[in-house]
C-alpha atoms as a PDB file:
ATOM      1  CA  MET A   1       2.448 -25.471 -11.956  1.00  0.00           C
ATOM      2  CA  TRP A   2      -0.801 -26.444 -10.299  1.00  0.00           C
ATOM      3  CA  LEU A   3      -1.729 -25.160  -6.865  1.00  0.00           C
ATOM      4  CA  ASN A   4      -3.525 -27.327  -4.365  1.00  0.00           C
ATOM      5  CA  GLU A   5      -6.834 -26.190  -2.884  1.00  0.00           C
ATOM      6  CA  ASP A   6      -5.206 -24.726   0.224  1.00  0.00           C
ATOM      7  CA  GLU A   7      -2.674 -22.779  -1.834  1.00  0.00           C
ATOM      8  CA  ASN A   8      -5.399 -21.432  -4.109  1.00  0.00           C
ATOM      9  CA  GLU A   9      -7.340 -20.301  -1.049  1.00  0.00           C
ATOM     10  CA  LEU A  10      -4.246 -18.612   0.406  1.00  0.00           C
ATOM     11  CA  ARG A  11      -3.510 -16.841  -2.882  1.00  0.00           C
ATOM     12  CA  ARG A  12      -7.107 -15.633  -3.208  1.00  0.00           C
ATOM     13  CA  ASP A  13      -7.078 -14.401   0.405  1.00  0.00           C
ATOM     14  CA  LEU A  14      -3.828 -12.500  -0.112  1.00  0.00           C
ATOM     15  CA  GLN A  15      -5.120 -10.928  -3.322  1.00  0.00           C
ATOM     16  CA  SER A  16      -8.397 -10.006  -1.633  1.00  0.00           C
ATOM     17  CA  VAL A  17      -6.724  -8.286   1.311  1.00  0.00           C
ATOM     18  CA  ALA A  18      -4.325  -6.488  -1.066  1.00  0.00           C
ATOM     19  CA  SER A  19      -7.330  -5.269  -3.056  1.00  0.00           C
ATOM     20  CA  ASP A  20      -9.055  -4.086   0.137  1.00  0.00           C
ATOM     21  CA  LEU A  21      -5.932  -2.135   1.088  1.00  0.00           C
ATOM     22  CA  ARG A  22      -5.781  -0.572  -2.397  1.00  0.00           C
ATOM     23  CA  TRP A  23      -9.428   0.513  -2.151  1.00  0.00           C
ATOM     24  CA  SER A  24      -8.860   1.848   1.371  1.00  0.00           C
ATOM     25  CA  ALA A  25      -5.842   3.862   0.208  1.00  0.00           C
ATOM     26  CA  VAL A  26      -7.914   5.432  -2.572  1.00  0.00           C
ATOM     27  CA  GLU A  27     -10.613   6.382  -0.069  1.00  0.00           C
ATOM     28  CA  LEU A  28      -8.016   7.808   2.314  1.00  0.00           C
ATOM     29  CA  LEU A  29      -6.615   9.941  -0.489  1.00  0.00           C
ATOM     30  CA  ARG A  30     -10.089  11.295  -1.149  1.00  0.00           C
ATOM     31  CA  LEU A  31     -10.616  12.043   2.543  1.00  0.00           C
ATOM     32  CA  ALA A  32      -7.175  13.627   2.860  1.00  0.00           C
ATOM     33  CA  GLU A  33      -8.038  16.004   0.031  1.00  0.00           C
ATOM     34  CA  GLN A  34     -11.319  16.939   1.717  1.00  0.00           C
ATOM     35  CA  LEU A  35      -9.494  17.541   4.998  1.00  0.00           C
ATOM     36  CA  ARG A  36      -6.899  19.678   3.249  1.00  0.00           C
ATOM     37  CA  GLN A  37      -9.585  21.743   1.532  1.00  0.00           C
ATOM     38  CA  ALA A  38     -11.291  22.236   4.904  1.00  0.00           C
ATOM     39  CA  GLY A  39      -8.038  23.621   6.301  1.00  0.00           C
ATOM     40  CA  ASN A  40      -7.222  20.577   8.418  1.00  0.00           C
ATOM     41  CA  ASP A  41      -3.709  19.942   7.152  1.00  0.00           C
ATOM     42  CA  VAL A  42      -2.606  17.982  10.233  1.00  0.00           C
ATOM     43  CA  ASP A  43      -5.271  15.316   9.795  1.00  0.00           C
ATOM     44  CA  ALA A  44      -4.805  15.370   6.025  1.00  0.00           C
ATOM     45  CA  GLN A  45      -1.109  14.571   6.480  1.00  0.00           C
ATOM     46  CA  ALA A  46      -1.957  11.778   8.939  1.00  0.00           C
ATOM     47  CA  ALA A  47      -4.369  10.266   6.397  1.00  0.00           C
ATOM     48  CA  LEU A  48      -1.685  10.466   3.706  1.00  0.00           C
ATOM     49  CA  ARG A  49       0.798   8.640   5.959  1.00  0.00           C
ATOM     50  CA  LEU A  50      -1.763   5.879   6.522  1.00  0.00           C
ATOM     51  CA  CYS A  51      -2.327   5.734   2.785  1.00  0.00           C
ATOM     52  CA  GLU A  52       1.400   5.215   2.210  1.00  0.00           C
ATOM     53  CA  LEU A  53       1.431   2.406   4.777  1.00  0.00           C
ATOM     54  CA  PHE A  54      -1.553   0.733   3.113  1.00  0.00           C
ATOM     55  CA  GLN A  55       0.082   0.992  -0.306  1.00  0.00           C
ATOM     56  CA  GLY A  56       3.266  -0.638   1.001  1.00  0.00           C
ATOM     57  CA  ASP A  57       1.285  -3.413   2.677  1.00  0.00           C
ATOM     58  CA  GLU A  58      -0.725  -3.943  -0.499  1.00  0.00           C
ATOM     59  CA  GLY A  59       2.457  -4.410  -2.489  1.00  0.00           C
ATOM     60  CA  ARG A  60       3.859  -6.869   0.028  1.00  0.00           C
ATOM     61  CA  LEU A  61       0.691  -8.968   0.042  1.00  0.00           C
ATOM     62  CA  ALA A  62       0.522  -8.966  -3.750  1.00  0.00           C
ATOM     63  CA  GLY A  63       4.134 -10.175  -3.768  1.00  0.00           C
ATOM     64  CA  TYR A  64       3.274 -12.980  -1.361  1.00  0.00           C
ATOM     65  CA  ALA A  65       0.376 -13.997  -3.620  1.00  0.00           C
ATOM     66  CA  GLU A  66       2.816 -14.223  -6.535  1.00  0.00           C
ATOM     67  CA  GLU A  67       5.165 -16.321  -4.395  1.00  0.00           C
ATOM     68  CA  VAL A  68       2.290 -18.716  -3.686  1.00  0.00           C
ATOM     69  CA  LYS A  69       1.603 -18.913  -7.421  1.00  0.00           C
ATOM     70  CA  ALA A  70       5.296 -19.648  -8.086  1.00  0.00           C
ATOM     71  CA  LYS A  71       5.262 -22.313  -5.337  1.00  0.00           C
ATOM     72  CA  VAL A  72       7.839 -20.404  -3.279  1.00  0.00           C
ATOM     73  CA  ILE A  73       5.243 -20.350  -0.492  1.00  0.00           C
ATOM     74  CA  SER A  74       3.011 -23.372  -0.035  1.00  0.00           C
ATOM     75  CA  ARG A  75       0.191 -24.259   2.278  1.00  0.00           C
ATOM     76  CA  THR A  76      -1.264 -27.502   3.517  1.00  0.00           C
ATOM     77  CA  LYS A  77      -3.778 -28.058   6.248  1.00  0.00           C
ATOM     78  CA  VAL A  78      -2.648 -29.942   9.315  1.00  0.00           C
ATOM     79  CA  HIS A  79      -5.357 -31.870  11.087  1.00  0.00           C
END
């Protein structure tokens, strides 16, 4: 099924933000490990909680992108 230009843009935007969240979660994991090694377990745990939130949000956005692809979600510009 073909997507219109607006739907393609929406899908790309959703995938891009999901990718940004994935990259951010990886960086947070790295920082959490550094904090833990420095003896700052409280901040390390806070970073890990943020990482979990980002991973959940990434999954949701990736799911929305798939819904756009399947035409469950559509987008048209209103002038």
